[in-house]
Amino acid sequence: MSVYRANLEGLKPETHYLYRVGDGKNWGEWNGFRTASDQPKKFGFIYVGDAQNDIKSRWSRVIREAYAKAPKAAFIVHAGDLVSEGYKDDLWGEWYDSMGFIAATMPSLPVAGNHELEKPQARPSLWPCRRSGRNSLLIRRMGPACPKMNPIISITRAPDSFL
């Protein structure tokens, strides 16, 4: 698994930007996003939840239909239970793959549900993390260590903030 991170600074409001991810030799596809206005302005967002069952079959259709109905939504709120067993990396792969290009072009605010936070009963060794709070989002990362923080995901669109 490869993790890429970039901090974007100096972006102009209400501007369309293109990007792609790569290592200098191998590159992914081009994706785009539009920055928010720096002035108060009406906007909409997509609210979904409980994607956990039949992810490839159902979730892919639900998120694509939502996007088709609201392609100019500012972001997506995922209201918990994104996968049925949060400690299974293959389910997270299905979830992200099912979102397709939407995940690369529209910000998401995922909220952890009970299924993301449950430990496996039969094999607790599969779950090396302890959650620090009911509202924290903790997605198991590849490797032995887990983040030692209580992450907060936020989006600010003048003058509103979503945590």
Protein backbone atom coordinates (compact mmCIF):
# COMPACT_ATOMS: atom_id res chain seq x y z
CA MET A 1 0.00 0.00 0.00
CA SER A 2 1.26 3.47 -0.87
CA VAL A 3 0.18 6.61 0.91
CA TYR A 4 0.56 10.00 -0.74
CA ARG A 5 -0.03 13.31 0.95
CA ALA A 6 0.10 16.85 -0.35
CA ASN A 7 -0.66 20.13 1.35
CA LEU A 8 -2.16 22.58 -1.11
CA GLU A 9 -1.55 26.22 -0.29
CA GLY A 10 -2.35 29.46 -2.03
CA LEU A 11 -5.40 28.14 -3.87
CA LYS A 12 -7.79 30.77 -5.21
CA PRO A 13 -11.51 30.72 -4.34
CA GLU A 14 -13.98 29.37 -6.91
CA THR A 15 -11.23 27.98 -9.11
CA HIS A 16 -11.05 24.63 -10.89
CA TYR A 17 -7.81 22.70 -10.33
CA LEU A 18 -6.52 19.48 -11.89
CA TYR A 19 -4.21 17.00 -10.19
CA ARG A 20 -2.84 13.50 -10.42
CA VAL A 21 -0.79 11.33 -8.11
CA GLY A 22 2.45 9.59 -8.96
CA ASP A 23 6.00 8.82 -8.01
CA GLY A 24 7.69 10.77 -10.81
CA LYS A 25 7.66 7.84 -13.24
CA ASN A 26 4.23 6.24 -12.79
CA TRP A 27 1.16 8.45 -12.75
CA GLY A 28 -2.52 7.99 -12.00
CA GLU A 29 -5.36 9.52 -13.96
CA TRP A 30 -6.11 13.23 -13.92
CA ASN A 31 -8.79 14.38 -11.47
CA GLY A 32 -10.24 17.78 -10.75
CA PHE A 33 -11.85 19.75 -7.97
CA ARG A 34 -13.23 23.24 -7.48
CA THR A 35 -12.38 25.38 -4.46
CA ALA A 36 -15.15 26.96 -2.42
CA SER A 37 -16.09 30.61 -2.51
CA ASP A 38 -14.56 32.88 0.10
CA GLN A 39 -17.95 34.63 0.36
CA PRO A 40 -21.16 33.26 1.91
CA LYS A 41 -22.99 31.37 -0.81
CA LYS A 42 -25.70 28.70 -1.00
CA PHE A 43 -24.47 25.14 -1.45
CA GLY A 44 -25.75 21.59 -1.16
CA PHE A 45 -24.20 18.37 0.03
CA ILE A 46 -24.89 14.64 -0.24
CA TYR A 47 -25.84 12.71 2.92
CA VAL A 48 -25.54 8.91 2.85
CA GLY A 49 -25.20 6.13 5.40
CA ASP A 50 -25.06 2.38 5.97
CA ALA A 51 -23.16 1.47 2.83
CA GLN A 52 -21.96 -1.67 4.60
CA ASN A 53 -24.05 -4.38 2.88
CA ASP A 54 -23.38 -5.62 -0.65
CA ILE A 55 -20.91 -2.82 -1.20
CA LYS A 56 -19.98 -3.61 -4.81
CA SER A 57 -23.54 -4.39 -5.81
CA ARG A 58 -25.53 -1.72 -3.96
CA TRP A 59 -23.26 1.00 -2.57
CA SER A 60 -21.73 1.65 -5.99
CA ARG A 61 -25.20 2.27 -7.43
CA VAL A 62 -26.36 4.40 -4.49
CA ILE A 63 -23.36 6.75 -4.50
CA ARG A 64 -23.39 7.10 -8.28
CA GLU A 65 -27.11 7.89 -8.30
CA ALA A 66 -26.61 10.47 -5.54
CA TYR A 67 -23.78 12.04 -7.52
CA ALA A 68 -25.90 12.04 -10.71
CA LYS A 69 -28.65 13.94 -8.86
CA ALA A 70 -26.27 16.39 -7.17
CA PRO A 71 -23.05 16.65 -9.23
CA LYS A 72 -22.35 20.13 -7.90
CA ALA A 73 -22.65 19.13 -4.23
CA ALA A 74 -19.95 20.69 -2.09
CA PHE A 75 -19.12 17.46 -0.23
CA ILE A 76 -20.47 14.11 0.98
CA VAL A 77 -21.33 13.21 4.60
CA HIS A 78 -21.10 9.44 5.21
CA ALA A 79 -23.18 8.77 8.34
CA GLY A 80 -21.46 5.66 9.69
CA ASP A 81 -21.41 1.93 8.99
CA LEU A 82 -19.47 2.39 5.78
CA VAL A 83 -18.31 -1.25 5.97
CA SER A 84 -19.68 -4.19 7.94
CA GLU A 85 -16.38 -5.09 9.61
CA GLY A 86 -13.96 -2.18 9.97
CA TYR A 87 -10.94 -4.41 10.53
CA LYS A 88 -11.20 -6.00 7.06
CA ASP A 89 -9.06 -4.13 4.57
CA ASP A 90 -10.75 -5.80 1.59
CA LEU A 91 -14.09 -4.20 2.54
CA TRP A 92 -12.46 -0.76 2.64
CA GLY A 93 -11.05 -1.49 -0.81
CA GLU A 94 -14.55 -2.31 -2.07
CA TRP A 95 -15.94 0.85 -0.50
CA TYR A 96 -13.34 3.15 -2.10
CA ASP A 97 -13.42 1.33 -5.44
CA SER A 98 -17.22 1.62 -5.55
CA MET A 99 -16.99 5.39 -5.20
CA GLY A 100 -14.77 5.51 -8.29
CA PHE A 101 -13.83 8.99 -9.49
CA ILE A 102 -16.24 10.57 -6.98
CA ALA A 103 -13.78 9.88 -4.13
CA ALA A 104 -11.06 11.72 -6.05
CA THR A 105 -13.12 14.79 -6.97
CA MET A 106 -15.50 15.50 -4.07
CA PRO A 107 -14.51 15.91 -0.39
CA SER A 108 -15.96 13.37 2.06
CA LEU A 109 -16.73 13.57 5.76
CA PRO A 110 -16.91 9.95 6.93
CA VAL A 111 -18.34 9.39 10.42
CA ALA A 112 -17.52 6.15 12.21
CA GLY A 113 -20.42 3.85 13.07
CA ASN A 114 -20.45 0.85 15.34
CA HIS A 115 -19.32 -1.46 12.51
CA GLU A 116 -16.13 0.52 11.93
CA LEU A 117 -15.27 0.34 15.62
CA GLU A 118 -16.17 -3.26 16.55
CA LYS A 119 -13.41 -5.73 17.31
CA PRO A 120 -13.52 -9.19 15.73
CA GLN A 121 -14.85 -11.63 18.36
CA ALA A 122 -13.07 -14.74 17.15
CA ARG A 123 -9.70 -13.12 16.35
CA PRO A 124 -9.07 -9.96 18.42
CA SER A 125 -5.48 -9.91 17.16
CA LEU A 126 -6.85 -8.57 13.86
CA TRP A 127 -7.81 -5.35 15.64
CA PRO A 128 -4.68 -3.68 17.05
CA CYS A 129 -6.34 -0.31 17.69
CA ARG A 130 -8.24 1.13 20.60
CA ARG A 131 -10.67 3.91 19.91
CA SER A 132 -10.37 7.03 21.99
CA GLY A 133 -13.90 8.30 21.61
CA ARG A 134 -17.27 7.27 20.22
CA ASN A 135 -17.23 9.96 17.57
CA SER A 136 -13.70 9.39 16.32
CA LEU A 137 -13.06 7.93 12.92
CA LEU A 138 -10.54 5.13 13.10
CA ILE A 139 -9.79 3.26 9.93
CA ARG A 140 -7.27 0.47 10.38
CA ARG A 141 -4.08 1.16 8.47
CA MET A 142 -1.76 -1.42 7.01
CA GLY A 143 1.02 -2.29 9.43
CA PRO A 144 1.31 -2.94 13.15
CA ALA A 145 0.75 0.56 14.47
CA CYS A 146 -2.44 2.59 14.55
CA PRO A 147 -2.77 6.35 14.72
CA LYS A 148 -2.51 7.66 18.27
CA MET A 149 -4.83 10.55 17.76
CA ASN A 150 -8.47 11.39 17.80
CA PRO A 151 -8.87 12.64 14.21
CA ILE A 152 -11.34 15.34 13.39
CA ILE A 153 -12.31 15.83 9.78
CA SER A 154 -13.69 19.24 8.89
CA ILE A 155 -14.73 21.32 5.94
CA THR A 156 -15.11 25.09 6.10
CA ARG A 157 -17.14 26.99 3.54
CA ALA A 158 -17.50 30.65 4.44
CA PRO A 159 -19.09 31.22 6.92
CA ASP A 160 -20.00 27.60 7.88
CA SER A 161 -17.85 24.79 9.31
CA PHE A 162 -18.71 21.09 9.37
CA LEU A 163 -16.88 18.84 11.84
